[in-house]
C-alpha atoms as a PDB file:
ATOM      1  CA  UNK A   1     -17.663 -20.493  17.371  1.00  0.00           C
ATOM      2  CA  UNK A   2     -16.833 -17.736  14.497  1.00  0.00           C
ATOM      3  CA  UNK A   3     -13.513 -19.777  13.848  1.00  0.00           C
ATOM      4  CA  UNK A   4     -15.449 -22.354  12.165  1.00  0.00           C
ATOM      5  CA  UNK A   5     -17.396 -22.100   8.905  1.00  0.00           C
ATOM      6  CA  UNK A   6     -21.358 -23.109   9.532  1.00  0.00           C
ATOM      7  CA  UNK A   7     -21.830 -26.613   8.237  1.00  0.00           C
ATOM      8  CA  UNK A   8     -25.465 -28.252   7.223  1.00  0.00           C
ATOM      9  CA  UNK A   9     -27.146 -28.307  10.304  1.00  0.00           C
ATOM     10  CA  UNK A  10     -25.454 -25.240  11.950  1.00  0.00           C
ATOM     11  CA  UNK A  11     -29.245 -23.750  12.562  1.00  0.00           C
ATOM     12  CA  UNK A  12     -30.028 -26.074  15.017  1.00  0.00           C
ATOM     13  CA  UNK A  13     -26.734 -25.833  16.901  1.00  0.00           C
ATOM     14  CA  UNK A  14     -27.982 -24.399  20.742  1.00  0.00           C
ATOM     15  CA  UNK A  15     -24.554 -23.010  21.748  1.00  0.00           C
ATOM     16  CA  UNK A  16     -24.601 -25.605  24.804  1.00  0.00           C
ATOM     17  CA  UNK A  17     -21.667 -26.541  27.397  1.00  0.00           C
ATOM     18  CA  UNK A  18     -19.148 -28.551  26.423  1.00  0.00           C
ATOM     19  CA  UNK A  19     -17.863 -31.359  29.004  1.00  0.00           C
ATOM     20  CA  UNK A  20     -16.336 -33.970  26.525  1.00  0.00           C
ATOM     21  CA  UNK A  21     -14.342 -33.812  23.183  1.00  0.00           C
ATOM     22  CA  UNK A  22     -14.452 -36.519  21.066  1.00  0.00           C
ATOM     23  CA  UNK A  23     -11.823 -37.013  18.070  1.00  0.00           C
ATOM     24  CA  UNK A  24     -11.585 -39.434  15.416  1.00  0.00           C
ATOM     25  CA  UNK A  25      -8.149 -39.876  14.665  1.00  0.00           C
ATOM     26  CA  UNK A  26      -6.852 -39.964  11.137  1.00  0.00           C
ATOM     27  CA  UNK A  27      -7.395 -37.422   8.481  1.00  0.00           C
ATOM     28  CA  UNK A  28      -8.420 -35.556  11.586  1.00  0.00           C
ATOM     29  CA  UNK A  29      -5.840 -35.826  14.551  1.00  0.00           C
ATOM     30  CA  UNK A  30      -3.359 -37.231  12.593  1.00  0.00           C
ATOM     31  CA  UNK A  31      -2.009 -36.056   8.669  1.00  0.00           C
ATOM     32  CA  UNK A  32       0.516 -38.336   7.314  1.00  0.00           C
ATOM     33  CA  UNK A  33       2.604 -39.032  10.273  1.00  0.00           C
ATOM     34  CA  UNK A  34       1.912 -40.676  13.383  1.00  0.00           C
ATOM     35  CA  UNK A  35       2.452 -37.470  15.549  1.00  0.00           C
ATOM     36  CA  UNK A  36       0.238 -34.870  15.924  1.00  0.00           C
ATOM     37  CA  UNK A  37       1.052 -31.131  14.633  1.00  0.00           C
ATOM     38  CA  UNK A  38       2.346 -28.990  17.746  1.00  0.00           C
ATOM     39  CA  UNK A  39      -0.744 -26.518  17.342  1.00  0.00           C
ATOM     40  CA  UNK A  40      -2.834 -29.908  17.751  1.00  0.00           C
ATOM     41  CA  UNK A  41      -0.784 -31.166  20.886  1.00  0.00           C
ATOM     42  CA  UNK A  42      -0.954 -27.808  22.386  1.00  0.00           C
ATOM     43  CA  UNK A  43      -4.588 -27.521  21.618  1.00  0.00           C
ATOM     44  CA  UNK A  44      -5.416 -30.796  23.601  1.00  0.00           C
ATOM     45  CA  UNK A  45      -3.323 -29.810  26.692  1.00  0.00           C
ATOM     46  CA  UNK A  46      -5.175 -26.554  26.857  1.00  0.00           C
ATOM     47  CA  UNK A  47      -8.649 -28.198  26.877  1.00  0.00           C
ATOM     48  CA  UNK A  48      -7.708 -30.855  28.959  1.00  0.00           C
ATOM     49  CA  UNK A  49      -6.331 -28.329  31.393  1.00  0.00           C
ATOM     50  CA  UNK A  50      -9.852 -26.306  31.190  1.00  0.00           C
ATOM     51  CA  UNK A  51     -11.652 -29.080  32.540  1.00  0.00           C
ATOM     52  CA  UNK A  52     -13.230 -30.669  29.233  1.00  0.00           C
ATOM     53  CA  UNK A  53     -12.584 -34.320  28.966  1.00  0.00           C
ATOM     54  CA  UNK A  54     -11.007 -35.433  25.879  1.00  0.00           C
ATOM     55  CA  UNK A  55     -11.060 -38.958  24.110  1.00  0.00           C
ATOM     56  CA  UNK A  56     -10.395 -40.490  20.418  1.00  0.00           C
ATOM     57  CA  UNK A  57     -12.903 -42.342  18.629  1.00  0.00           C
ATOM     58  CA  UNK A  58     -11.017 -44.374  15.872  1.00  0.00           C
ATOM     59  CA  UNK A  59     -11.007 -47.215  14.113  1.00  0.00           C
ATOM     60  CA  UNK A  60      -7.860 -48.364  14.786  1.00  0.00           C
ATOM     61  CA  UNK A  61      -7.227 -50.917  17.541  1.00  0.00           C
ATOM     62  CA  UNK A  62      -5.739 -49.954  20.912  1.00  0.00           C
ATOM     63  CA  UNK A  63      -2.019 -49.918  20.274  1.00  0.00           C
ATOM     64  CA  UNK A  64      -2.840 -47.238  17.480  1.00  0.00           C
ATOM     65  CA  UNK A  65      -3.576 -44.583  19.389  1.00  0.00           C
ATOM     66  CA  UNK A  66      -0.796 -41.819  19.909  1.00  0.00           C
ATOM     67  CA  UNK A  67       1.339 -41.516  22.741  1.00  0.00           C
ATOM     68  CA  UNK A  68      -0.772 -38.323  23.791  1.00  0.00           C
ATOM     69  CA  UNK A  69      -3.906 -40.730  24.816  1.00  0.00           C
ATOM     70  CA  UNK A  70      -2.046 -40.882  27.990  1.00  0.00           C
ATOM     71  CA  UNK A  71      -2.419 -37.407  28.377  1.00  0.00           C
ATOM     72  CA  UNK A  72      -6.095 -37.658  27.429  1.00  0.00           C
ATOM     73  CA  UNK A  73      -7.056 -40.809  29.596  1.00  0.00           C
ATOM     74  CA  UNK A  74     -10.118 -41.528  27.893  1.00  0.00           C
ATOM     75  CA  UNK A  75     -11.867 -43.754  27.767  1.00  0.00           C
ATOM     76  CA  UNK A  76     -11.288 -43.945  24.415  1.00  0.00           C
ATOM     77  CA  UNK A  77     -13.702 -45.837  21.531  1.00  0.00           C
ATOM     78  CA  UNK A  78     -11.490 -47.893  19.437  1.00  0.00           C
ATOM     79  CA  UNK A  79     -12.466 -50.275  16.595  1.00  0.00           C
ATOM     80  CA  UNK A  80     -15.107 -48.209  15.135  1.00  0.00           C
ATOM     81  CA  UNK A  81     -17.239 -48.962  18.286  1.00  0.00           C
ATOM     82  CA  UNK A  82     -16.157 -52.323  19.173  1.00  0.00           C
ATOM     83  CA  UNK A  83     -14.384 -51.851  22.234  1.00  0.00           C
ATOM     84  CA  UNK A  84     -14.081 -48.964  24.580  1.00  0.00           C
ATOM     85  CA  UNK A  85     -10.413 -48.619  26.794  1.00  0.00           C
ATOM     86  CA  UNK A  86      -9.402 -46.566  29.678  1.00  0.00           C
ATOM     87  CA  UNK A  87      -6.104 -45.241  30.296  1.00  0.00           C
ATOM     88  CA  UNK A  88      -7.040 -43.152  33.449  1.00  0.00           C
ATOM     89  CA  UNK A  89      -4.989 -45.368  35.394  1.00  0.00           C
ATOM     90  CA  UNK A  90      -1.716 -45.478  33.460  1.00  0.00           C
ATOM     91  CA  UNK A  91      -2.911 -48.973  32.187  1.00  0.00           C
ATOM     92  CA  UNK A  92      -1.340 -49.916  28.797  1.00  0.00           C
ATOM     93  CA  UNK A  93      -3.776 -49.992  26.080  1.00  0.00           C
ATOM     94  CA  UNK A  94      -4.318 -54.041  25.955  1.00  0.00           C
ATOM     95  CA  UNK A  95      -7.766 -53.754  24.865  1.00  0.00           C
ATOM     96  CA  UNK A  96      -9.402 -56.031  27.521  1.00  0.00           C
ATOM     97  CA  UNK A  97     -11.711 -53.438  28.990  1.00  0.00           C
ATOM     98  CA  UNK A  98     -15.204 -53.647  27.181  1.00  0.00           C
ATOM     99  CA  UNK A  99     -15.895 -55.248  24.153  1.00  0.00           C
ATOM    100  CA  UNK A 100     -18.544 -55.566  21.776  1.00  0.00           C
ATOM    101  CA  UNK A 101     -17.562 -58.841  19.509  1.00  0.00           C
ATOM    102  CA  UNK A 102     -18.833 -60.521  16.320  1.00  0.00           C
ATOM    103  CA  UNK A 103     -20.281 -63.994  16.521  1.00  0.00           C
ATOM    104  CA  UNK A 104     -18.377 -67.031  14.831  1.00  0.00           C
ATOM    105  CA  UNK A 105     -21.025 -67.849  12.420  1.00  0.00           C
ATOM    106  CA  UNK A 106     -20.847 -63.842  11.559  1.00  0.00           C
ATOM    107  CA  UNK A 107     -16.905 -63.643  11.068  1.00  0.00           C
ATOM    108  CA  UNK A 108     -17.302 -66.680   9.200  1.00  0.00           C
ATOM    109  CA  UNK A 109     -19.671 -65.544   6.778  1.00  0.00           C
ATOM    110  CA  UNK A 110     -17.574 -62.335   6.233  1.00  0.00           C
ATOM    111  CA  UNK A 111     -14.238 -64.107   5.361  1.00  0.00           C
ATOM    112  CA  UNK A 112     -16.506 -65.783   2.880  1.00  0.00           C
ATOM    113  CA  UNK A 113     -17.258 -62.178   1.211  1.00  0.00           C
ATOM    114  CA  UNK A 114     -13.904 -61.408   1.584  1.00  0.00           C
ATOM    115  CA  UNK A 115     -12.904 -64.499  -0.518  1.00  0.00           C
ATOM    116  CA  UNK A 116     -15.533 -64.247  -3.123  1.00  0.00           C
ATOM    117  CA  UNK A 117     -14.259 -60.381  -3.783  1.00  0.00           C
ATOM    118  CA  UNK A 118     -10.743 -61.227  -3.120  1.00  0.00           C
ATOM    119  CA  UNK A 119      -9.573 -58.404  -1.187  1.00  0.00           C
ATOM    120  CA  UNK A 120      -7.328 -57.877   1.535  1.00  0.00           C
ATOM    121  CA  UNK A 121      -9.250 -57.980   5.428  1.00  0.00           C
ATOM    122  CA  UNK A 122      -7.801 -58.034   8.523  1.00  0.00           C
ATOM    123  CA  UNK A 123      -9.883 -59.982  11.845  1.00  0.00           C
ATOM    124  CA  UNK A 124      -9.060 -58.341  14.786  1.00  0.00           C
ATOM    125  CA  UNK A 125      -8.654 -60.694  18.200  1.00  0.00           C
ATOM    126  CA  UNK A 126      -7.716 -59.726  21.576  1.00  0.00           C
ATOM    127  CA  UNK A 127      -4.148 -60.988  21.434  1.00  0.00           C
ATOM    128  CA  UNK A 128      -3.273 -60.057  17.633  1.00  0.00           C
ATOM    129  CA  UNK A 129      -4.978 -60.059  13.748  1.00  0.00           C
ATOM    130  CA  UNK A 130      -5.528 -62.669  11.444  1.00  0.00           C
ATOM    131  CA  UNK A 131      -5.302 -61.492   7.667  1.00  0.00           C
ATOM    132  CA  UNK A 132      -6.891 -62.944   4.735  1.00  0.00           C
ATOM    133  CA  UNK A 133      -4.087 -63.173   3.150  1.00  0.00           C
ATOM    134  CA  UNK A 134      -0.191 -61.752   2.751  1.00  0.00           C
ATOM    135  CA  UNK A 135      -0.301 -57.784   1.602  1.00  0.00           C
ATOM    136  CA  UNK A 136       2.406 -55.812   0.849  1.00  0.00           C
ATOM    137  CA  UNK A 137       0.671 -52.618   1.366  1.00  0.00           C
ATOM    138  CA  UNK A 138      -0.690 -53.783   4.825  1.00  0.00           C
ATOM    139  CA  UNK A 139       2.995 -54.379   6.100  1.00  0.00           C
ATOM    140  CA  UNK A 140       4.134 -50.795   7.213  1.00  0.00           C
ATOM    141  CA  UNK A 141       0.892 -50.586   9.231  1.00  0.00           C
ATOM    142  CA  UNK A 142       1.714 -53.952  11.259  1.00  0.00           C
ATOM    143  CA  UNK A 143       5.315 -53.076  12.028  1.00  0.00           C
ATOM    144  CA  UNK A 144       3.997 -49.408  13.007  1.00  0.00           C
ATOM    145  CA  UNK A 145       0.987 -50.286  15.385  1.00  0.00           C
ATOM    146  CA  UNK A 146       0.336 -54.286  16.252  1.00  0.00           C
ATOM    147  CA  UNK A 147       3.111 -56.405  14.618  1.00  0.00           C
ATOM    148  CA  UNK A 148       2.454 -59.424  12.212  1.00  0.00           C
ATOM    149  CA  UNK A 149      -0.396 -61.395  12.157  1.00  0.00           C
ATOM    150  CA  UNK A 150      -0.985 -63.967  13.999  1.00  0.00           C
ATOM    151  CA  UNK A 151      -1.848 -65.917  10.957  1.00  0.00           C
ATOM    152  CA  UNK A 152      -4.339 -66.624   8.376  1.00  0.00           C
ATOM    153  CA  UNK A 153      -8.322 -66.359   8.407  1.00  0.00           C
ATOM    154  CA  UNK A 154      -9.702 -69.403   8.468  1.00  0.00           C
ATOM    155  CA  UNK A 155     -13.405 -70.827   9.183  1.00  0.00           C
ATOM    156  CA  UNK A 156     -11.600 -73.159  11.927  1.00  0.00           C
ATOM    157  CA  UNK A 157     -10.045 -70.370  13.596  1.00  0.00           C
ATOM    158  CA  UNK A 158     -12.916 -68.055  13.459  1.00  0.00           C
ATOM    159  CA  UNK A 159     -14.639 -70.823  15.016  1.00  0.00           C
ATOM    160  CA  UNK A 160     -12.260 -70.569  18.344  1.00  0.00           C
ATOM    161  CA  UNK A 161     -11.426 -66.936  18.264  1.00  0.00           C
ATOM    162  CA  UNK A 162     -13.404 -63.769  19.635  1.00  0.00           C
ATOM    163  CA  UNK A 163     -13.243 -61.131  16.927  1.00  0.00           C
ATOM    164  CA  UNK A 164     -13.489 -57.365  18.336  1.00  0.00           C
ATOM    165  CA  UNK A 165     -13.894 -56.554  14.346  1.00  0.00           C
ATOM    166  CA  UNK A 166     -12.484 -56.505  10.809  1.00  0.00           C
ATOM    167  CA  UNK A 167     -11.607 -54.127   8.512  1.00  0.00           C
ATOM    168  CA  UNK A 168     -11.965 -54.542   4.740  1.00  0.00           C
ATOM    169  CA  UNK A 169      -9.882 -53.149   2.043  1.00  0.00           C
ATOM    170  CA  UNK A 170     -10.345 -52.185  -1.306  1.00  0.00           C
ATOM    171  CA  UNK A 171      -7.598 -50.336  -2.530  1.00  0.00           C
ATOM    172  CA  UNK A 172      -9.338 -48.875  -5.669  1.00  0.00           C
ATOM    173  CA  UNK A 173     -12.755 -47.920  -4.121  1.00  0.00           C
ATOM    174  CA  UNK A 174     -14.538 -49.427  -6.759  1.00  0.00           C
ATOM    175  CA  UNK A 175     -16.018 -52.651  -5.298  1.00  0.00           C
ATOM    176  CA  UNK A 176     -16.877 -50.221  -1.607  1.00  0.00           C
ATOM    177  CA  UNK A 177     -20.778 -50.505  -2.477  1.00  0.00           C
ATOM    178  CA  UNK A 178     -20.889 -54.182  -3.070  1.00  0.00           C
ATOM    179  CA  UNK A 179     -19.012 -54.815  -0.114  1.00  0.00           C
ATOM    180  CA  UNK A 180     -21.368 -52.334   2.290  1.00  0.00           C
ATOM    181  CA  UNK A 181     -23.911 -54.401   1.139  1.00  0.00           C
ATOM    182  CA  UNK A 182     -23.306 -57.870   1.278  1.00  0.00           C
ATOM    183  CA  UNK A 183     -21.315 -57.347   4.552  1.00  0.00           C
ATOM    184  CA  UNK A 184     -25.129 -55.412   5.762  1.00  0.00           C
ATOM    185  CA  UNK A 185     -27.050 -58.148   4.163  1.00  0.00           C
ATOM    186  CA  UNK A 186     -25.295 -60.780   6.971  1.00  0.00           C
ATOM    187  CA  UNK A 187     -26.425 -58.284  10.285  1.00  0.00           C
ATOM    188  CA  UNK A 188     -23.175 -56.453  10.604  1.00  0.00           C
ATOM    189  CA  UNK A 189     -22.668 -53.117  10.694  1.00  0.00           C
ATOM    190  CA  UNK A 190     -20.421 -51.706   8.233  1.00  0.00           C
ATOM    191  CA  UNK A 191     -18.993 -47.895   7.679  1.00  0.00           C
ATOM    192  CA  UNK A 192     -16.447 -46.421   5.606  1.00  0.00           C
ATOM    193  CA  UNK A 193     -13.428 -44.873   6.348  1.00  0.00           C
ATOM    194  CA  UNK A 194     -10.111 -43.379   4.475  1.00  0.00           C
ATOM    195  CA  UNK A 195      -6.619 -42.980   5.249  1.00  0.00           C
ATOM    196  CA  UNK A 196      -5.105 -39.579   3.921  1.00  0.00           C
ATOM    197  CA  UNK A 197      -1.876 -41.661   2.668  1.00  0.00           C
ATOM    198  CA  UNK A 198      -4.008 -43.665   0.491  1.00  0.00           C
ATOM    199  CA  UNK A 199      -6.809 -41.311  -0.802  1.00  0.00           C
ATOM    200  CA  UNK A 200      -8.003 -43.391  -3.511  1.00  0.00           C
ATOM    201  CA  UNK A 201      -8.431 -46.494  -0.845  1.00  0.00           C
ATOM    202  CA  UNK A 202     -11.786 -47.473   1.136  1.00  0.00           C
ATOM    203  CA  UNK A 203     -12.002 -49.272   4.169  1.00  0.00           C
ATOM    204  CA  UNK A 204     -14.656 -50.945   5.582  1.00  0.00           C
ATOM    205  CA  UNK A 205     -14.986 -51.119   9.354  1.00  0.00           C
ATOM    206  CA  UNK A 206     -17.030 -54.389  10.071  1.00  0.00           C
ATOM    207  CA  UNK A 207     -18.683 -54.630  13.417  1.00  0.00           C
ATOM    208  CA  UNK A 208     -21.574 -56.343  15.276  1.00  0.00           C
ATOM    209  CA  UNK A 209     -24.716 -55.412  14.617  1.00  0.00           C
ATOM    210  CA  UNK A 210     -25.665 -52.132  15.679  1.00  0.00           C
ATOM    211  CA  UNK A 211     -22.045 -51.400  16.462  1.00  0.00           C
ATOM    212  CA  UNK A 212     -20.442 -47.617  15.406  1.00  0.00           C
ATOM    213  CA  UNK A 213     -18.811 -44.907  17.035  1.00  0.00           C
ATOM    214  CA  UNK A 214     -22.021 -43.213  18.035  1.00  0.00           C
ATOM    215  CA  UNK A 215     -23.737 -46.328  19.289  1.00  0.00           C
ATOM    216  CA  UNK A 216     -20.792 -46.959  21.707  1.00  0.00           C
ATOM    217  CA  UNK A 217     -20.408 -42.879  22.812  1.00  0.00           C
ATOM    218  CA  UNK A 218     -24.024 -42.752  23.829  1.00  0.00           C
ATOM    219  CA  UNK A 219     -23.235 -45.835  25.704  1.00  0.00           C
ATOM    220  CA  UNK A 220     -19.846 -44.370  27.013  1.00  0.00           C
ATOM    221  CA  UNK A 221     -21.750 -41.178  28.087  1.00  0.00           C
ATOM    222  CA  UNK A 222     -24.359 -42.980  29.789  1.00  0.00           C
ATOM    223  CA  UNK A 223     -21.570 -44.367  32.375  1.00  0.00           C
ATOM    224  CA  UNK A 224     -19.956 -41.422  32.366  1.00  0.00           C
ATOM    225  CA  UNK A 225     -22.986 -39.167  33.465  1.00  0.00           C
ATOM    226  CA  UNK A 226     -22.199 -36.792  30.572  1.00  0.00           C
ATOM    227  CA  UNK A 227     -25.311 -35.366  28.332  1.00  0.00           C
ATOM    228  CA  UNK A 228     -24.880 -36.242  24.905  1.00  0.00           C
ATOM    229  CA  UNK A 229     -25.669 -32.515  24.197  1.00  0.00           C
ATOM    230  CA  UNK A 230     -22.234 -31.415  26.213  1.00  0.00           C
ATOM    231  CA  UNK A 231     -20.213 -33.220  24.084  1.00  0.00           C
ATOM    232  CA  UNK A 232     -18.464 -32.457  20.815  1.00  0.00           C
ATOM    233  CA  UNK A 233     -17.343 -34.298  18.040  1.00  0.00           C
ATOM    234  CA  UNK A 234     -14.535 -34.236  15.261  1.00  0.00           C
ATOM    235  CA  UNK A 235     -14.114 -36.403  12.140  1.00  0.00           C
ATOM    236  CA  UNK A 236     -13.975 -36.270   8.783  1.00  0.00           C
ATOM    237  CA  UNK A 237     -15.120 -39.912   7.417  1.00  0.00           C
ATOM    238  CA  UNK A 238     -18.641 -41.510   6.685  1.00  0.00           C
ATOM    239  CA  UNK A 239     -17.900 -43.492   9.948  1.00  0.00           C
ATOM    240  CA  UNK A 240     -18.534 -40.338  11.786  1.00  0.00           C
ATOM    241  CA  UNK A 241     -21.678 -39.593  11.112  1.00  0.00           C
ATOM    242  CA  UNK A 242     -23.386 -41.486  13.763  1.00  0.00           C
ATOM    243  CA  UNK A 243     -21.672 -39.420  16.238  1.00  0.00           C
ATOM    244  CA  UNK A 244     -22.860 -36.287  14.436  1.00  0.00           C
ATOM    245  CA  UNK A 245     -26.279 -37.668  14.639  1.00  0.00           C
ATOM    246  CA  UNK A 246     -26.403 -37.642  18.145  1.00  0.00           C
ATOM    247  CA  UNK A 247     -23.828 -34.893  19.868  1.00  0.00           C
ATOM    248  CA  UNK A 248     -24.588 -31.443  20.544  1.00  0.00           C
ATOM    249  CA  UNK A 249     -21.679 -30.201  18.638  1.00  0.00           C
ATOM    250  CA  UNK A 250     -20.651 -31.944  15.606  1.00  0.00           C
ATOM    251  CA  UNK A 251     -17.494 -30.593  13.766  1.00  0.00           C
ATOM    252  CA  UNK A 252     -16.721 -31.616  10.033  1.00  0.00           C
ATOM    253  CA  UNK A 253     -13.315 -31.578   8.930  1.00  0.00           C
ATOM    254  CA  UNK A 254     -12.957 -29.542   5.632  1.00  0.00           C
ATOM    255  CA  UNK A 255     -12.096 -32.647   3.212  1.00  0.00           C
ATOM    256  CA  UNK A 256     -15.157 -34.680   4.576  1.00  0.00           C
ATOM    257  CA  UNK A 257     -17.396 -35.611   2.194  1.00  0.00           C
ATOM    258  CA  UNK A 258     -20.624 -32.939   1.246  1.00  0.00           C
ATOM    259  CA  UNK A 259     -22.937 -36.036   3.097  1.00  0.00           C
ATOM    260  CA  UNK A 260     -21.015 -35.664   6.286  1.00  0.00           C
ATOM    261  CA  UNK A 261     -20.726 -32.042   6.071  1.00  0.00           C
ATOM    262  CA  UNK A 262     -24.227 -31.859   6.159  1.00  0.00           C
ATOM    263  CA  UNK A 263     -24.683 -33.630   9.462  1.00  0.00           C
ATOM    264  CA  UNK A 264     -22.531 -31.581  11.035  1.00  0.00           C
ATOM    265  CA  UNK A 265     -22.953 -28.045  12.492  1.00  0.00           C
ATOM    266  CA  UNK A 266     -19.487 -26.325  11.777  1.00  0.00           C
ATOM    267  CA  UNK A 267     -16.547 -27.221   9.568  1.00  0.00           C
ATOM    268  CA  UNK A 268     -13.063 -26.776  10.634  1.00  0.00           C
ATOM    269  CA  UNK A 269     -10.046 -26.948   7.905  1.00  0.00           C
ATOM    270  CA  UNK A 270      -8.604 -29.961   6.747  1.00  0.00           C
ATOM    271  CA  UNK A 271      -5.846 -31.861   8.441  1.00  0.00           C
ATOM    272  CA  UNK A 272      -2.912 -30.598   6.604  1.00  0.00           C
ATOM    273  CA  UNK A 273      -4.121 -26.967   7.962  1.00  0.00           C
ATOM    274  CA  UNK A 274      -4.612 -28.358  11.881  1.00  0.00           C
ATOM    275  CA  UNK A 275      -8.404 -28.211  11.563  1.00  0.00           C
ATOM    276  CA  UNK A 276      -8.372 -30.284  14.397  1.00  0.00           C
ATOM    277  CA  UNK A 277      -6.568 -27.647  16.503  1.00  0.00           C
ATOM    278  CA  UNK A 278      -8.710 -24.762  15.138  1.00  0.00           C
ATOM    279  CA  UNK A 279     -12.328 -27.054  16.212  1.00  0.00           C
ATOM    280  CA  UNK A 280     -10.373 -27.568  19.816  1.00  0.00           C
ATOM    281  CA  UNK A 281      -9.430 -23.716  20.619  1.00  0.00           C
ATOM    282  CA  UNK A 282     -13.168 -22.712  18.972  1.00  0.00           C
ATOM    283  CA  UNK A 283     -14.843 -24.901  21.939  1.00  0.00           C
ATOM    284  CA  UNK A 284     -12.284 -23.808  24.290  1.00  0.00           C
ATOM    285  CA  UNK A 285     -13.003 -20.342  23.469  1.00  0.00           C
ATOM    286  CA  UNK A 286     -16.397 -21.097  23.657  1.00  0.00           C
ATOM    287  CA  UNK A 287     -16.190 -22.365  27.070  1.00  0.00           C
ATOM    288  CA  UNK A 288     -14.839 -19.410  28.670  1.00  0.00           C
ATOM    289  CA  UNK A 289     -16.649 -17.168  27.215  1.00  0.00           C
ATOM    290  CA  UNK A 290     -14.781 -15.214  24.663  1.00  0.00           C
ATOM    291  CA  UNK A 291     -16.840 -16.668  21.683  1.00  0.00           C
ATOM    292  CA  UNK A 292     -20.352 -15.530  22.427  1.00  0.00           C
ATOM    293  CA  UNK A 293     -21.219 -17.725  18.815  1.00  0.00           C
END
């Protein structure tokens, strides 16, 4: 795929046929707005028209999927692997599909960590989300994709509520390593992600033990009958690494950290240069035999 630069594992790439293209959202498919650029939208349309399936794999909740999800019905991986939603029947993205949830005690211990660090966090349930405290930085996202919180996180709430995933915000990025360590120490999976509009902030996805984008992608491909070697995945963050380790074609965005690029076969331009569109066009050219590389 000559329009993409080689990455850390380029020599291992076996030039497989591609049946499924999986894209991260923030920093990959979307930049600073909630709508993809025209080149990205056009590339998805062409990819799907060619017969290659398209799905999102995102830390967002189902309501945060862009409208384009109606064209590319998925199934989509949301909540950083904690849930799979299928829009193939024209369903609204309710999130009541397949869920790998936290246990009540794990959610309570996570809330205690958030209190000890005095960090803002969102705990997602099927019918909305709870927050550790009010937060002006988060209000725009509330209005944009999920509405106002149901309430404040308490041990009583967590004892009676199924929590799908939590997102812990480290706005300064200074406590990330300690937060990751403490969340991992209570047995939860913890992966960091970023947002283009907040370059200094780190958002930690806390999911049930062993749950990640990669593990859920493996689960999904088993059910779709698609070999992982026939999957192309693109992303810009460390929470995409679990996908890169298992798919036949891993594509890092140009803004991805060095350790993420090291796990990829190719590098695309960054989100502001429509890197996802470049990658999709390269995959389409490869599939139609117009790119022998």
